[in-house]
N, C-alpha and C. Protein backbone atom coordinates (compact mmCIF):
# COMPACT_ATOMS: atom_id res chain seq x y z
N MET A 1 24.43 20.30 42.47
CA MET A 1 23.47 19.61 41.64
C MET A 1 22.88 20.59 40.63
N LYS A 2 22.78 20.17 39.36
CA LYS A 2 22.24 21.03 38.31
C LYS A 2 20.73 21.04 38.40
N ASN A 3 20.15 22.19 38.02
CA ASN A 3 18.68 22.21 38.00
C ASN A 3 18.18 21.54 36.71
N LYS A 4 16.90 21.34 36.64
CA LYS A 4 16.31 20.55 35.55
C LYS A 4 16.52 21.21 34.19
N SER A 5 16.40 22.52 34.10
CA SER A 5 16.53 23.18 32.80
C SER A 5 17.96 23.06 32.27
N GLU A 6 18.98 23.10 33.13
CA GLU A 6 20.37 22.93 32.68
C GLU A 6 20.58 21.51 32.15
N GLU A 7 20.00 20.53 32.81
CA GLU A 7 20.11 19.13 32.35
C GLU A 7 19.43 18.97 30.99
N GLU A 8 18.27 19.58 30.85
CA GLU A 8 17.56 19.50 29.57
C GLU A 8 18.36 20.16 28.46
N LEU A 9 18.96 21.33 28.74
CA LEU A 9 19.78 22.01 27.74
C LEU A 9 21.00 21.19 27.37
N ASN A 10 21.62 20.57 28.35
CA ASN A 10 22.77 19.71 28.06
C ASN A 10 22.38 18.51 27.21
N THR A 11 21.24 17.91 27.53
CA THR A 11 20.74 16.78 26.74
C THR A 11 20.45 17.21 25.31
N LEU A 12 19.81 18.37 25.17
CA LEU A 12 19.50 18.91 23.84
C LEU A 12 20.78 19.18 23.05
N ALA A 13 21.79 19.74 23.72
CA ALA A 13 23.06 20.02 23.06
C ALA A 13 23.72 18.72 22.59
N LYS A 14 23.66 17.68 23.39
CA LYS A 14 24.24 16.39 23.01
C LYS A 14 23.52 15.81 21.79
N ILE A 15 22.20 15.94 21.80
CA ILE A 15 21.41 15.41 20.66
C ILE A 15 21.76 16.18 19.39
N GLU A 16 21.82 17.52 19.48
CA GLU A 16 22.15 18.33 18.32
C GLU A 16 23.55 17.99 17.80
N LYS A 17 24.50 17.80 18.70
CA LYS A 17 25.86 17.45 18.31
C LYS A 17 25.88 16.11 17.58
N ALA A 18 25.12 15.14 18.09
CA ALA A 18 25.05 13.82 17.44
C ALA A 18 24.43 13.93 16.05
N ILE A 19 23.42 14.77 15.91
CA ILE A 19 22.77 14.94 14.60
C ILE A 19 23.76 15.58 13.62
N ILE A 20 24.48 16.60 14.06
CA ILE A 20 25.45 17.26 13.19
C ILE A 20 26.55 16.28 12.77
N GLN A 21 27.03 15.46 13.69
CA GLN A 21 28.07 14.49 13.36
C GLN A 21 27.56 13.46 12.34
N ARG A 22 26.33 13.05 12.50
CA ARG A 22 25.81 12.00 11.62
C ARG A 22 25.31 12.53 10.28
N TYR A 23 24.57 13.67 10.30
CA TYR A 23 23.91 14.15 9.08
C TYR A 23 24.47 15.46 8.54
N GLY A 24 25.29 16.17 9.32
CA GLY A 24 25.85 17.45 8.88
C GLY A 24 25.05 18.62 9.42
N LYS A 25 25.63 19.84 9.27
CA LYS A 25 25.01 21.05 9.81
C LYS A 25 23.63 21.33 9.19
N GLU A 26 23.47 20.95 7.92
CA GLU A 26 22.23 21.24 7.20
C GLU A 26 21.01 20.60 7.86
N ALA A 27 21.23 19.54 8.60
CA ALA A 27 20.12 18.83 9.24
C ALA A 27 19.46 19.67 10.32
N LEU A 28 20.20 20.59 10.89
CA LEU A 28 19.64 21.44 11.94
C LEU A 28 19.25 22.82 11.44
N TYR A 29 19.36 23.05 10.14
CA TYR A 29 19.03 24.35 9.55
C TYR A 29 17.52 24.57 9.56
N ASP A 30 17.11 25.73 10.02
CA ASP A 30 15.69 26.08 10.02
C ASP A 30 15.39 26.85 8.73
N PRO A 31 14.52 26.35 7.87
CA PRO A 31 14.23 27.01 6.58
C PRO A 31 13.69 28.43 6.75
N ARG A 32 13.10 28.73 7.88
CA ARG A 32 12.56 30.07 8.09
C ARG A 32 13.64 31.12 8.31
N ASP A 33 14.87 30.68 8.61
CA ASP A 33 15.94 31.63 8.89
C ASP A 33 16.22 32.56 7.72
N GLY A 34 16.23 32.05 6.52
CA GLY A 34 16.56 32.87 5.35
C GLY A 34 15.36 33.44 4.64
N TRP A 35 14.17 33.26 5.18
CA TRP A 35 12.94 33.69 4.50
C TRP A 35 12.66 35.17 4.82
N THR A 36 12.40 35.94 3.76
CA THR A 36 12.14 37.38 3.94
C THR A 36 10.82 37.72 3.27
N PRO A 37 10.26 38.89 3.57
CA PRO A 37 9.02 39.30 2.89
C PRO A 37 9.19 39.40 1.37
N GLU A 38 10.37 39.77 0.90
CA GLU A 38 10.61 39.84 -0.54
C GLU A 38 10.57 38.45 -1.17
N LYS A 39 11.19 37.49 -0.49
CA LYS A 39 11.15 36.10 -0.98
C LYS A 39 9.72 35.57 -0.98
N GLU A 40 8.94 35.93 0.04
CA GLU A 40 7.55 35.51 0.12
C GLU A 40 6.75 36.04 -1.06
N ALA A 41 6.94 37.35 -1.39
CA ALA A 41 6.23 37.97 -2.51
C ALA A 41 6.63 37.31 -3.83
N ALA A 42 7.92 37.04 -4.01
CA ALA A 42 8.39 36.40 -5.24
C ALA A 42 7.82 34.99 -5.35
N TYR A 43 7.77 34.28 -4.24
CA TYR A 43 7.23 32.92 -4.22
C TYR A 43 5.75 32.91 -4.60
N LEU A 44 4.99 33.83 -4.02
CA LEU A 44 3.56 33.90 -4.34
C LEU A 44 3.32 34.25 -5.80
N GLU A 45 4.14 35.15 -6.33
CA GLU A 45 4.02 35.51 -7.75
C GLU A 45 4.35 34.31 -8.64
N GLU A 46 5.36 33.55 -8.26
CA GLU A 46 5.74 32.35 -9.00
C GLU A 46 4.60 31.32 -9.00
N ILE A 47 3.95 31.16 -7.86
CA ILE A 47 2.83 30.22 -7.78
C ILE A 47 1.67 30.67 -8.66
N LYS A 48 1.39 31.97 -8.68
CA LYS A 48 0.32 32.49 -9.54
C LYS A 48 0.60 32.22 -11.01
N GLU A 49 1.85 32.45 -11.42
CA GLU A 49 2.23 32.21 -12.80
C GLU A 49 2.11 30.72 -13.16
N LEU A 50 2.58 29.87 -12.27
CA LEU A 50 2.51 28.44 -12.50
C LEU A 50 1.06 27.98 -12.60
N SER A 51 0.22 28.49 -11.71
CA SER A 51 -1.20 28.13 -11.72
C SER A 51 -1.86 28.58 -13.02
N LYS A 52 -1.54 29.79 -13.47
CA LYS A 52 -2.12 30.30 -14.72
C LYS A 52 -1.69 29.45 -15.90
N THR A 53 -0.41 29.07 -15.93
CA THR A 53 0.10 28.22 -17.01
C THR A 53 -0.59 26.86 -17.01
N GLU A 54 -0.73 26.25 -15.84
CA GLU A 54 -1.39 24.95 -15.75
C GLU A 54 -2.85 25.05 -16.18
N ARG A 55 -3.54 26.12 -15.77
CA ARG A 55 -4.94 26.32 -16.14
C ARG A 55 -5.07 26.48 -17.65
N ASP A 56 -4.17 27.28 -18.26
CA ASP A 56 -4.22 27.48 -19.70
C ASP A 56 -3.98 26.18 -20.45
N ASN A 57 -3.01 25.39 -19.97
CA ASN A 57 -2.73 24.10 -20.61
C ASN A 57 -3.91 23.14 -20.48
N LEU A 58 -4.57 23.16 -19.33
CA LEU A 58 -5.73 22.29 -19.11
C LEU A 58 -6.87 22.68 -20.04
N LEU A 59 -7.11 23.97 -20.18
CA LEU A 59 -8.19 24.43 -21.05
C LEU A 59 -7.94 24.06 -22.51
N LYS A 60 -6.67 24.00 -22.89
CA LYS A 60 -6.34 23.62 -24.27
C LYS A 60 -6.63 22.15 -24.52
N THR A 61 -6.51 21.31 -23.48
CA THR A 61 -6.65 19.87 -23.67
C THR A 61 -8.08 19.37 -23.49
N ILE A 62 -8.97 20.18 -22.93
CA ILE A 62 -10.34 19.74 -22.70
C ILE A 62 -11.10 19.69 -24.03
N GLU A 63 -11.66 18.54 -24.32
CA GLU A 63 -12.46 18.40 -25.53
C GLU A 63 -13.84 18.99 -25.30
N LYS A 64 -14.31 19.72 -26.31
CA LYS A 64 -15.64 20.33 -26.22
C LYS A 64 -16.46 19.89 -27.42
N TYR A 65 -17.74 19.67 -27.16
CA TYR A 65 -18.66 19.25 -28.20
C TYR A 65 -19.80 20.25 -28.27
N GLU A 66 -20.32 20.42 -29.47
CA GLU A 66 -21.45 21.32 -29.62
C GLU A 66 -22.73 20.51 -29.51
N VAL A 67 -23.57 20.92 -28.56
CA VAL A 67 -24.86 20.26 -28.35
C VAL A 67 -25.93 21.34 -28.42
N ASN A 68 -26.74 21.28 -29.45
CA ASN A 68 -27.80 22.28 -29.66
C ASN A 68 -27.26 23.71 -29.61
N GLY A 69 -26.12 23.94 -30.26
CA GLY A 69 -25.55 25.27 -30.33
C GLY A 69 -24.78 25.71 -29.10
N ILE A 70 -24.56 24.81 -28.14
CA ILE A 70 -23.84 25.14 -26.91
C ILE A 70 -22.61 24.25 -26.82
N LEU A 71 -21.45 24.86 -26.48
CA LEU A 71 -20.24 24.07 -26.28
C LEU A 71 -20.26 23.44 -24.90
N VAL A 72 -20.09 22.12 -24.86
CA VAL A 72 -20.14 21.38 -23.61
C VAL A 72 -18.85 20.57 -23.49
N GLU A 73 -18.24 20.57 -22.28
CA GLU A 73 -17.03 19.79 -22.06
C GLU A 73 -17.34 18.30 -22.08
N ASN A 74 -16.39 17.53 -22.54
CA ASN A 74 -16.56 16.09 -22.63
C ASN A 74 -16.81 15.46 -21.26
N GLY A 75 -16.18 15.94 -20.21
CA GLY A 75 -16.32 15.36 -18.88
C GLY A 75 -17.70 15.54 -18.28
N LEU A 76 -18.52 16.40 -18.86
CA LEU A 76 -19.84 16.62 -18.30
C LEU A 76 -20.83 15.53 -18.69
N PHE A 77 -20.49 14.74 -19.69
CA PHE A 77 -21.37 13.67 -20.10
C PHE A 77 -21.13 12.45 -19.23
N ILE A 78 -22.17 11.88 -18.70
CA ILE A 78 -22.05 10.67 -17.90
C ILE A 78 -22.21 9.49 -18.84
N LYS A 79 -21.14 8.74 -18.99
CA LYS A 79 -21.16 7.64 -19.95
C LYS A 79 -21.87 6.41 -19.38
N ASP A 80 -21.56 6.08 -18.15
CA ASP A 80 -22.16 4.90 -17.54
C ASP A 80 -23.27 5.34 -16.60
N LYS A 81 -24.49 5.14 -17.03
CA LYS A 81 -25.63 5.50 -16.20
C LYS A 81 -25.83 4.38 -15.17
N VAL A 82 -25.88 4.77 -13.92
CA VAL A 82 -26.06 3.80 -12.85
C VAL A 82 -27.55 3.69 -12.54
N GLU A 83 -28.03 2.46 -12.52
CA GLU A 83 -29.44 2.24 -12.20
C GLU A 83 -29.69 2.62 -10.75
N ARG A 84 -30.85 3.14 -10.48
CA ARG A 84 -31.19 3.55 -9.12
C ARG A 84 -32.15 2.57 -8.46
N VAL A 85 -32.73 1.67 -9.21
CA VAL A 85 -33.66 0.69 -8.65
C VAL A 85 -32.96 -0.66 -8.60
N CYS A 86 -32.92 -1.24 -7.41
CA CYS A 86 -32.28 -2.54 -7.23
C CYS A 86 -33.13 -3.60 -7.92
N PRO A 87 -32.55 -4.40 -8.82
CA PRO A 87 -33.32 -5.44 -9.49
C PRO A 87 -33.74 -6.58 -8.56
N VAL A 88 -33.11 -6.69 -7.40
CA VAL A 88 -33.44 -7.77 -6.47
C VAL A 88 -34.62 -7.38 -5.58
N CYS A 89 -34.44 -6.28 -4.81
CA CYS A 89 -35.49 -5.90 -3.85
C CYS A 89 -36.42 -4.82 -4.38
N LYS A 90 -36.13 -4.28 -5.54
CA LYS A 90 -36.95 -3.26 -6.22
C LYS A 90 -37.03 -1.94 -5.46
N GLU A 91 -36.08 -1.68 -4.55
CA GLU A 91 -36.06 -0.41 -3.81
C GLU A 91 -35.25 0.61 -4.58
N TYR A 92 -35.70 1.88 -4.54
CA TYR A 92 -35.01 2.98 -5.18
C TYR A 92 -34.02 3.58 -4.20
N SER A 93 -32.82 3.94 -4.68
CA SER A 93 -31.78 4.44 -3.78
C SER A 93 -31.07 5.63 -4.38
N PHE A 94 -30.85 6.66 -3.55
CA PHE A 94 -30.02 7.79 -3.92
C PHE A 94 -28.62 7.66 -3.32
N ASP A 95 -28.39 6.65 -2.53
CA ASP A 95 -27.13 6.49 -1.81
C ASP A 95 -26.00 6.16 -2.78
N SER A 96 -24.93 6.95 -2.72
CA SER A 96 -23.81 6.73 -3.63
C SER A 96 -23.09 5.41 -3.34
N LYS A 97 -23.20 4.89 -2.12
CA LYS A 97 -22.57 3.60 -1.80
C LYS A 97 -23.19 2.47 -2.62
N ASP A 98 -24.47 2.62 -2.96
CA ASP A 98 -25.12 1.59 -3.75
C ASP A 98 -24.57 1.52 -5.18
N ASP A 99 -23.98 2.61 -5.68
CA ASP A 99 -23.47 2.62 -7.04
C ASP A 99 -22.44 1.52 -7.27
N LEU A 100 -21.55 1.34 -6.32
CA LEU A 100 -20.52 0.30 -6.43
C LEU A 100 -21.15 -1.08 -6.55
N TYR A 101 -22.10 -1.36 -5.69
CA TYR A 101 -22.73 -2.69 -5.68
C TYR A 101 -23.60 -2.88 -6.92
N MET A 102 -24.25 -1.80 -7.37
CA MET A 102 -25.09 -1.92 -8.57
C MET A 102 -24.23 -2.22 -9.79
N LYS A 103 -23.07 -1.59 -9.89
CA LYS A 103 -22.20 -1.83 -11.05
C LYS A 103 -21.57 -3.22 -11.00
N ARG A 104 -21.13 -3.61 -9.81
CA ARG A 104 -20.38 -4.87 -9.71
C ARG A 104 -21.27 -6.10 -9.57
N PHE A 105 -22.36 -5.99 -8.80
CA PHE A 105 -23.17 -7.18 -8.52
C PHE A 105 -24.63 -7.05 -8.94
N SER A 106 -25.01 -5.93 -9.52
CA SER A 106 -26.41 -5.69 -9.95
C SER A 106 -27.38 -5.83 -8.79
N CYS A 107 -27.02 -5.25 -7.66
CA CYS A 107 -27.92 -5.19 -6.51
C CYS A 107 -27.47 -4.06 -5.60
N CYS A 108 -28.34 -3.65 -4.69
CA CYS A 108 -28.00 -2.57 -3.76
C CYS A 108 -27.09 -3.11 -2.64
N GLN A 109 -26.60 -2.20 -1.81
CA GLN A 109 -25.70 -2.59 -0.72
C GLN A 109 -26.40 -3.53 0.26
N LYS A 110 -27.66 -3.25 0.56
CA LYS A 110 -28.40 -4.09 1.51
C LYS A 110 -28.54 -5.51 0.98
N CYS A 111 -28.88 -5.65 -0.29
CA CYS A 111 -29.01 -6.98 -0.89
C CYS A 111 -27.65 -7.67 -0.99
N TYR A 112 -26.60 -6.89 -1.22
CA TYR A 112 -25.27 -7.49 -1.27
C TYR A 112 -24.96 -8.17 0.05
N TYR A 113 -25.16 -7.44 1.16
CA TYR A 113 -24.85 -8.03 2.46
C TYR A 113 -25.77 -9.20 2.79
N LYS A 114 -27.01 -9.13 2.34
CA LYS A 114 -27.98 -10.17 2.68
C LYS A 114 -27.81 -11.43 1.82
N PHE A 115 -27.51 -11.24 0.51
CA PHE A 115 -27.53 -12.39 -0.40
C PHE A 115 -26.19 -12.72 -1.06
N VAL A 116 -25.28 -11.75 -1.20
CA VAL A 116 -24.07 -11.97 -2.00
C VAL A 116 -22.82 -12.16 -1.16
N ASP A 117 -22.66 -11.39 -0.09
CA ASP A 117 -21.43 -11.38 0.69
C ASP A 117 -21.02 -12.79 1.11
N GLY A 118 -19.83 -13.20 0.69
CA GLY A 118 -19.33 -14.54 1.00
C GLY A 118 -19.79 -15.60 0.02
N ARG A 119 -20.71 -15.24 -0.88
CA ARG A 119 -21.24 -16.19 -1.87
C ARG A 119 -21.16 -15.61 -3.28
N GLU A 120 -20.07 -14.85 -3.54
CA GLU A 120 -19.94 -14.17 -4.83
C GLU A 120 -19.92 -15.14 -6.01
N GLU A 121 -19.29 -16.28 -5.82
CA GLU A 121 -19.19 -17.25 -6.91
C GLU A 121 -20.58 -17.74 -7.33
N ARG A 122 -21.41 -18.05 -6.33
CA ARG A 122 -22.78 -18.50 -6.62
C ARG A 122 -23.56 -17.38 -7.29
N TRP A 123 -23.39 -16.15 -6.80
CA TRP A 123 -24.12 -15.00 -7.37
C TRP A 123 -23.70 -14.76 -8.81
N ASN A 124 -22.39 -14.81 -9.07
CA ASN A 124 -21.88 -14.57 -10.43
C ASN A 124 -22.27 -15.68 -11.38
N SER A 125 -22.59 -16.86 -10.87
CA SER A 125 -23.02 -17.95 -11.75
C SER A 125 -24.50 -17.83 -12.13
N GLY A 126 -25.20 -16.84 -11.52
CA GLY A 126 -26.58 -16.60 -11.93
C GLY A 126 -27.63 -16.83 -10.87
N TRP A 127 -27.28 -17.35 -9.72
CA TRP A 127 -28.25 -17.59 -8.65
C TRP A 127 -28.83 -16.28 -8.16
N ARG A 128 -30.15 -16.25 -7.93
CA ARG A 128 -30.82 -15.10 -7.33
C ARG A 128 -31.82 -15.62 -6.31
N PRO A 129 -32.06 -14.87 -5.24
CA PRO A 129 -32.99 -15.34 -4.20
C PRO A 129 -34.43 -15.34 -4.71
N SER A 130 -35.24 -16.17 -4.08
CA SER A 130 -36.66 -16.23 -4.46
C SER A 130 -37.38 -15.00 -3.90
N GLU A 131 -38.58 -14.76 -4.42
CA GLU A 131 -39.39 -13.63 -3.94
C GLU A 131 -39.69 -13.76 -2.46
N GLU A 132 -39.95 -14.98 -2.01
CA GLU A 132 -40.24 -15.21 -0.59
C GLU A 132 -39.05 -14.81 0.28
N ARG A 133 -37.87 -15.19 -0.16
CA ARG A 133 -36.67 -14.88 0.61
C ARG A 133 -36.40 -13.37 0.61
N ILE A 134 -36.62 -12.72 -0.51
CA ILE A 134 -36.41 -11.27 -0.62
C ILE A 134 -37.36 -10.53 0.32
N ASN A 135 -38.60 -10.96 0.36
CA ASN A 135 -39.61 -10.28 1.17
C ASN A 135 -39.51 -10.66 2.66
N GLY A 136 -38.61 -11.59 2.98
CA GLY A 136 -38.37 -11.94 4.38
C GLY A 136 -39.34 -12.94 4.96
N LYS A 137 -40.16 -13.61 4.13
CA LYS A 137 -41.10 -14.61 4.63
C LYS A 137 -40.40 -15.90 5.01
N ARG A 138 -39.22 -16.12 4.38
CA ARG A 138 -38.49 -17.35 4.65
C ARG A 138 -37.01 -16.99 4.73
N ASN A 139 -36.28 -17.54 5.69
CA ASN A 139 -34.87 -17.21 5.85
C ASN A 139 -34.02 -17.97 4.91
């Protein structure tokens, strides 16, 4: 009777043979076999050069504007200012999750779940909750 490690080796050999028959010898090639310290150094140098080229190309394409005698990149200007005060409940929010709801539904996330979720059509047609409903005096 064969011991367990011999059976495992035989099974592994059968699997490798099946892979070679189906996909070829290259399928079992280990990429680390041909890797040397010289190849590693050349690869790292190539990456540095590529990174420098990409950085130089990016800097050429960035638009800059002069603002009060200072050059400022175009991407630094925020074009769409997001309101921080919910027009429905009048609460101020620093939460970035509220930005999505403020832009899309003109309300904070809490008001979206309370008044809009599942009733987007009514909300988009102009319906807004009463002050009593907002303050929780009436459901």
